[in-house]
Amino acid sequence: MKKDTLIILASGVVLISVILTVFVSKNRKSTTSSLNAPSSNHQIDNDQQNFKTYKSSSFDFEINIPPKFTVVEKATYVNFEASEGLIDLIVNRTNLDNLADYIRFFDTKRNLGILSERNLVIDNNESLERVELNRDNGVSQKVYYIYHQRSVYLLSTNATSLYSDLDQIAQSFRYTPN
């Protein structure tokens, strides 16, 4: 009975995350804050390599981002926007104890083709880098899944020109409790 409850709960979380992702993708007309003029929500500092350090005000992480990106942080997501496209960051809470179980469960809810996959450790967290093909709409995207204490940070982009930026951003991820 307890396992059924956990599966139902996890299904609900995944469904809500997918709905929010679709909603966010369709409603991108939100206010942006420039890295050069940070709002009071964001802490941004210069990095040694001309990258900026972005610390989320809501999601307990910081990352290094190239200066070409502007940041939009909302209640349920963070977007890093550039002229070539955007990189999304969404945090999913889970009852599952590890990334492998989360991925196995999450994949049952989507019609995906996995084009490439690599297990990583980022900031001492179980992580997975993938290129996924959504078979429903034919769109491929690169995704990083970073698992930390029953939360999964998903960083993704479908702009192939931003794949190397996504790699640098994801690998600079640091969990930083507020």
C-alpha atoms as a PDB file:
ATOM      1  CA  MET A   1       0.000   0.000   0.000  1.00  0.00           C
ATOM      2  CA  LYS A   2       2.795   2.436   0.906  1.00  0.00           C
ATOM      3  CA  LYS A   3       4.552   1.761  -2.415  1.00  0.00           C
ATOM      4  CA  ASP A   4       1.330   2.497  -4.326  1.00  0.00           C
ATOM      5  CA  THR A   5       0.949   5.795  -2.457  1.00  0.00           C
ATOM      6  CA  LEU A   6       4.549   6.786  -3.291  1.00  0.00           C
ATOM      7  CA  ILE A   7       4.021   5.932  -6.956  1.00  0.00           C
ATOM      8  CA  ILE A   8       0.815   7.978  -7.087  1.00  0.00           C
ATOM      9  CA  LEU A   9       2.532  10.898  -5.355  1.00  0.00           C
ATOM     10  CA  ALA A  10       5.556  10.724  -7.648  1.00  0.00           C
ATOM     11  CA  SER A  11       3.243  10.492 -10.686  1.00  0.00           C
ATOM     12  CA  GLY A  12       1.485  13.641  -9.546  1.00  0.00           C
ATOM     13  CA  VAL A  13       4.786  15.491  -9.136  1.00  0.00           C
ATOM     14  CA  VAL A  14       5.945  14.420 -12.599  1.00  0.00           C
ATOM     15  CA  LEU A  15       2.627  15.376 -14.180  1.00  0.00           C
ATOM     16  CA  ILE A  16       2.683  18.804 -12.531  1.00  0.00           C
ATOM     17  CA  SER A  17       6.308  19.310 -13.649  1.00  0.00           C
ATOM     18  CA  VAL A  18       5.469  18.434 -17.248  1.00  0.00           C
ATOM     19  CA  ILE A  19       2.431  20.739 -17.225  1.00  0.00           C
ATOM     20  CA  LEU A  20       4.513  23.575 -15.736  1.00  0.00           C
ATOM     21  CA  THR A  21       7.217  23.039 -18.359  1.00  0.00           C
ATOM     22  CA  VAL A  22       4.669  23.298 -21.176  1.00  0.00           C
ATOM     23  CA  PHE A  23       3.013  26.321 -19.543  1.00  0.00           C
ATOM     24  CA  VAL A  24       6.347  28.077 -19.006  1.00  0.00           C
ATOM     25  CA  SER A  25       7.414  27.380 -22.591  1.00  0.00           C
ATOM     26  CA  LYS A  26       4.248  29.017 -23.919  1.00  0.00           C
ATOM     27  CA  ASN A  27       4.334  32.001 -21.542  1.00  0.00           C
ATOM     28  CA  ARG A  28       7.794  33.468 -21.917  1.00  0.00           C
ATOM     29  CA  LYS A  29       6.644  37.108 -21.864  1.00  0.00           C
ATOM     30  CA  SER A  30       7.935  37.699 -18.367  1.00  0.00           C
ATOM     31  CA  THR A  31      10.237  40.326 -16.964  1.00  0.00           C
ATOM     32  CA  THR A  32      13.942  39.648 -17.320  1.00  0.00           C
ATOM     33  CA  SER A  33      16.767  40.874 -15.189  1.00  0.00           C
ATOM     34  CA  SER A  34      20.082  41.557 -16.862  1.00  0.00           C
ATOM     35  CA  LEU A  35      23.236  40.111 -15.392  1.00  0.00           C
ATOM     36  CA  ASN A  36      24.764  43.555 -15.614  1.00  0.00           C
ATOM     37  CA  ALA A  37      21.900  45.077 -13.627  1.00  0.00           C
ATOM     38  CA  PRO A  38      20.854  42.477 -11.057  1.00  0.00           C
ATOM     39  CA  SER A  39      17.552  42.775  -9.252  1.00  0.00           C
ATOM     40  CA  SER A  40      17.311  42.433  -5.508  1.00  0.00           C
ATOM     41  CA  ASN A  41      16.351  38.743  -5.956  1.00  0.00           C
ATOM     42  CA  HIS A  42      19.638  37.779  -7.567  1.00  0.00           C
ATOM     43  CA  GLN A  43      23.208  37.725  -6.395  1.00  0.00           C
ATOM     44  CA  ILE A  44      25.618  37.928  -9.324  1.00  0.00           C
ATOM     45  CA  ASP A  45      29.378  38.275  -9.033  1.00  0.00           C
ATOM     46  CA  ASN A  46      32.228  38.335 -11.552  1.00  0.00           C
ATOM     47  CA  ASP A  47      34.031  35.042 -12.093  1.00  0.00           C
ATOM     48  CA  GLN A  48      37.692  34.732 -13.062  1.00  0.00           C
ATOM     49  CA  GLN A  49      36.793  33.527 -16.587  1.00  0.00           C
ATOM     50  CA  ASN A  50      34.374  36.345 -17.530  1.00  0.00           C
ATOM     51  CA  PHE A  51      31.512  34.190 -16.343  1.00  0.00           C
ATOM     52  CA  LYS A  52      29.043  35.511 -13.817  1.00  0.00           C
ATOM     53  CA  THR A  53      28.130  33.634 -10.666  1.00  0.00           C
ATOM     54  CA  TYR A  54      24.370  33.434 -10.351  1.00  0.00           C
ATOM     55  CA  LYS A  55      22.873  32.471  -6.977  1.00  0.00           C
ATOM     56  CA  SER A  56      19.212  31.561  -6.997  1.00  0.00           C
ATOM     57  CA  SER A  57      17.058  33.331  -4.467  1.00  0.00           C
ATOM     58  CA  SER A  58      14.628  30.392  -4.237  1.00  0.00           C
ATOM     59  CA  PHE A  59      16.214  27.112  -5.291  1.00  0.00           C
ATOM     60  CA  ASP A  60      19.399  26.635  -3.194  1.00  0.00           C
ATOM     61  CA  PHE A  61      21.979  26.598  -5.987  1.00  0.00           C
ATOM     62  CA  GLU A  62      24.556  28.740  -7.700  1.00  0.00           C
ATOM     63  CA  ILE A  63      26.095  28.383 -11.126  1.00  0.00           C
ATOM     64  CA  ASN A  64      28.498  30.209 -13.403  1.00  0.00           C
ATOM     65  CA  ILE A  65      26.972  31.611 -16.572  1.00  0.00           C
ATOM     66  CA  PRO A  66      28.426  33.397 -19.594  1.00  0.00           C
ATOM     67  CA  PRO A  67      27.714  37.138 -19.650  1.00  0.00           C
ATOM     68  CA  LYS A  68      25.537  36.820 -22.789  1.00  0.00           C
ATOM     69  CA  PHE A  69      22.702  35.357 -20.677  1.00  0.00           C
ATOM     70  CA  THR A  70      19.972  37.220 -18.839  1.00  0.00           C
ATOM     71  CA  VAL A  71      18.197  35.524 -15.971  1.00  0.00           C
ATOM     72  CA  VAL A  72      14.481  35.137 -15.318  1.00  0.00           C
ATOM     73  CA  GLU A  73      13.686  33.525 -11.974  1.00  0.00           C
ATOM     74  CA  LYS A  74      10.068  32.755 -11.193  1.00  0.00           C
ATOM     75  CA  ALA A  75       8.388  30.721  -8.471  1.00  0.00           C
ATOM     76  CA  THR A  76       8.746  27.404 -10.315  1.00  0.00           C
ATOM     77  CA  TYR A  77      11.682  27.809 -12.732  1.00  0.00           C
ATOM     78  CA  VAL A  78      14.738  29.773 -13.801  1.00  0.00           C
ATOM     79  CA  ASN A  79      15.462  30.648 -17.442  1.00  0.00           C
ATOM     80  CA  PHE A  80      18.843  31.692 -18.770  1.00  0.00           C
ATOM     81  CA  GLU A  81      18.124  33.566 -21.989  1.00  0.00           C
ATOM     82  CA  ALA A  82      20.467  34.387 -24.864  1.00  0.00           C
ATOM     83  CA  SER A  83      19.903  35.469 -28.454  1.00  0.00           C
ATOM     84  CA  GLU A  84      20.319  31.839 -29.643  1.00  0.00           C
ATOM     85  CA  GLY A  85      17.674  30.476 -27.268  1.00  0.00           C
ATOM     86  CA  LEU A  86      17.345  29.599 -23.634  1.00  0.00           C
ATOM     87  CA  ILE A  87      18.421  27.160 -20.979  1.00  0.00           C
ATOM     88  CA  ASP A  88      15.695  26.111 -18.543  1.00  0.00           C
ATOM     89  CA  LEU A  89      16.214  25.062 -14.950  1.00  0.00           C
ATOM     90  CA  ILE A  90      13.386  23.332 -13.119  1.00  0.00           C
ATOM     91  CA  VAL A  91      13.522  21.693  -9.694  1.00  0.00           C
ATOM     92  CA  ASN A  92      11.418  18.583  -9.134  1.00  0.00           C
ATOM     93  CA  ARG A  93      10.931  17.264  -5.625  1.00  0.00           C
ATOM     94  CA  THR A  94      10.724  13.479  -5.343  1.00  0.00           C
ATOM     95  CA  ASN A  95      10.090  10.714  -2.830  1.00  0.00           C
ATOM     96  CA  LEU A  96      12.594   8.498  -4.611  1.00  0.00           C
ATOM     97  CA  ASP A  97      15.937   7.796  -2.946  1.00  0.00           C
ATOM     98  CA  ASN A  98      18.256   8.132  -5.935  1.00  0.00           C
ATOM     99  CA  LEU A  99      18.582   9.469  -9.435  1.00  0.00           C
ATOM    100  CA  ALA A 100      18.369   6.085 -11.176  1.00  0.00           C
ATOM    101  CA  ASP A 101      14.928   5.378  -9.673  1.00  0.00           C
ATOM    102  CA  TYR A 102      13.763   8.911 -10.507  1.00  0.00           C
ATOM    103  CA  ILE A 103      14.900   8.574 -14.143  1.00  0.00           C
ATOM    104  CA  ARG A 104      13.314   5.136 -14.494  1.00  0.00           C
ATOM    105  CA  PHE A 105      10.009   6.471 -13.172  1.00  0.00           C
ATOM    106  CA  PHE A 106      10.160   9.778 -15.080  1.00  0.00           C
ATOM    107  CA  ASP A 107      10.919   7.986 -18.358  1.00  0.00           C
ATOM    108  CA  THR A 108       7.750   5.875 -18.072  1.00  0.00           C
ATOM    109  CA  LYS A 109       5.722   9.093 -18.292  1.00  0.00           C
ATOM    110  CA  ARG A 110       7.280  10.352 -21.531  1.00  0.00           C
ATOM    111  CA  ASN A 111       7.683   9.061 -25.084  1.00  0.00           C
ATOM    112  CA  LEU A 112      11.451   9.483 -25.450  1.00  0.00           C
ATOM    113  CA  GLY A 113      14.314   8.259 -27.510  1.00  0.00           C
ATOM    114  CA  ILE A 114      17.668   8.488 -25.728  1.00  0.00           C
ATOM    115  CA  LEU A 115      20.287   9.661 -28.242  1.00  0.00           C
ATOM    116  CA  SER A 116      23.161   9.744 -25.739  1.00  0.00           C
ATOM    117  CA  GLU A 117      23.566   9.290 -22.011  1.00  0.00           C
ATOM    118  CA  ARG A 118      26.426   9.721 -19.539  1.00  0.00           C
ATOM    119  CA  ASN A 119      26.504   9.334 -15.749  1.00  0.00           C
ATOM    120  CA  LEU A 120      28.374  12.090 -13.924  1.00  0.00           C
ATOM    121  CA  VAL A 121      29.065  13.451 -10.489  1.00  0.00           C
ATOM    122  CA  ILE A 122      28.494  17.201 -10.191  1.00  0.00           C
ATOM    123  CA  ASP A 123      29.258  18.855  -6.838  1.00  0.00           C
ATOM    124  CA  ASN A 124      29.255  15.374  -5.231  1.00  0.00           C
ATOM    125  CA  ASN A 125      25.715  14.760  -6.537  1.00  0.00           C
ATOM    126  CA  GLU A 126      24.522  11.884  -8.718  1.00  0.00           C
ATOM    127  CA  SER A 127      24.003  13.381 -12.164  1.00  0.00           C
ATOM    128  CA  LEU A 128      23.061  12.330 -15.657  1.00  0.00           C
ATOM    129  CA  GLU A 129      23.692  14.065 -18.975  1.00  0.00           C
ATOM    130  CA  ARG A 130      21.421  13.098 -21.851  1.00  0.00           C
ATOM    131  CA  VAL A 131      20.349  14.075 -25.309  1.00  0.00           C
ATOM    132  CA  GLU A 132      16.687  13.110 -25.582  1.00  0.00           C
ATOM    133  CA  LEU A 133      14.317  13.002 -28.528  1.00  0.00           C
ATOM    134  CA  ASN A 134      10.676  13.663 -27.727  1.00  0.00           C
ATOM    135  CA  ARG A 135       8.936  11.252 -30.072  1.00  0.00           C
ATOM    136  CA  ASP A 136       5.625  13.109 -29.749  1.00  0.00           C
ATOM    137  CA  ASN A 137       6.885  16.370 -31.257  1.00  0.00           C
ATOM    138  CA  GLY A 138      10.232  15.420 -32.815  1.00  0.00           C
ATOM    139  CA  VAL A 139      12.181  17.919 -30.686  1.00  0.00           C
ATOM    140  CA  SER A 140      15.523  16.887 -29.222  1.00  0.00           C
ATOM    141  CA  GLN A 141      17.105  18.511 -26.225  1.00  0.00           C
ATOM    142  CA  LYS A 142      20.153  18.162 -24.036  1.00  0.00           C
ATOM    143  CA  VAL A 143      19.304  17.666 -20.366  1.00  0.00           C
ATOM    144  CA  TYR A 144      21.294  17.455 -17.147  1.00  0.00           C
ATOM    145  CA  TYR A 145      19.624  15.794 -14.161  1.00  0.00           C
ATOM    146  CA  ILE A 146      21.312  16.604 -10.841  1.00  0.00           C
ATOM    147  CA  TYR A 147      19.992  14.756  -7.772  1.00  0.00           C
ATOM    148  CA  HIS A 148      20.374  16.308  -4.317  1.00  0.00           C
ATOM    149  CA  GLN A 149      18.442  15.243  -1.205  1.00  0.00           C
ATOM    150  CA  ARG A 150      15.192  14.222  -2.913  1.00  0.00           C
ATOM    151  CA  SER A 151      15.309  17.092  -5.378  1.00  0.00           C
ATOM    152  CA  VAL A 152      16.222  16.808  -9.037  1.00  0.00           C
ATOM    153  CA  TYR A 153      17.554  19.907 -10.767  1.00  0.00           C
ATOM    154  CA  LEU A 154      16.864  19.680 -14.523  1.00  0.00           C
ATOM    155  CA  LEU A 155      18.867  21.984 -16.781  1.00  0.00           C
ATOM    156  CA  SER A 156      17.961  21.735 -20.455  1.00  0.00           C
ATOM    157  CA  THR A 157      17.969  23.365 -23.854  1.00  0.00           C
ATOM    158  CA  ASN A 158      16.743  22.415 -27.298  1.00  0.00           C
ATOM    159  CA  ALA A 159      19.071  24.962 -28.958  1.00  0.00           C
ATOM    160  CA  THR A 160      22.034  22.909 -30.192  1.00  0.00           C
ATOM    161  CA  SER A 161      24.090  26.118 -30.376  1.00  0.00           C
ATOM    162  CA  LEU A 162      23.764  26.350 -26.556  1.00  0.00           C
ATOM    163  CA  TYR A 163      24.851  22.762 -25.782  1.00  0.00           C
ATOM    164  CA  SER A 164      28.416  23.788 -24.865  1.00  0.00           C
ATOM    165  CA  ASP A 165      27.089  26.641 -22.677  1.00  0.00           C
ATOM    166  CA  LEU A 166      24.754  24.154 -20.992  1.00  0.00           C
ATOM    167  CA  ASP A 167      27.710  21.822 -20.358  1.00  0.00           C
ATOM    168  CA  GLN A 168      29.694  24.606 -18.668  1.00  0.00           C
ATOM    169  CA  ILE A 169      26.711  25.857 -16.684  1.00  0.00           C
ATOM    170  CA  ALA A 170      25.612  22.416 -15.469  1.00  0.00           C
ATOM    171  CA  GLN A 171      29.115  21.392 -14.463  1.00  0.00           C
ATOM    172  CA  SER A 172      29.507  24.577 -12.405  1.00  0.00           C
ATOM    173  CA  PHE A 173      26.355  23.731 -10.373  1.00  0.00           C
ATOM    174  CA  ARG A 174      26.793  24.031  -6.607  1.00  0.00           C
ATOM    175  CA  TYR A 175      24.143  23.290  -3.992  1.00  0.00           C
ATOM    176  CA  THR A 176      24.030  26.334  -1.683  1.00  0.00           C
ATOM    177  CA  PRO A 177      21.292  26.278   0.937  1.00  0.00           C
ATOM    178  CA  ASN A 178      19.942  29.756   1.668  1.00  0.00           C
END
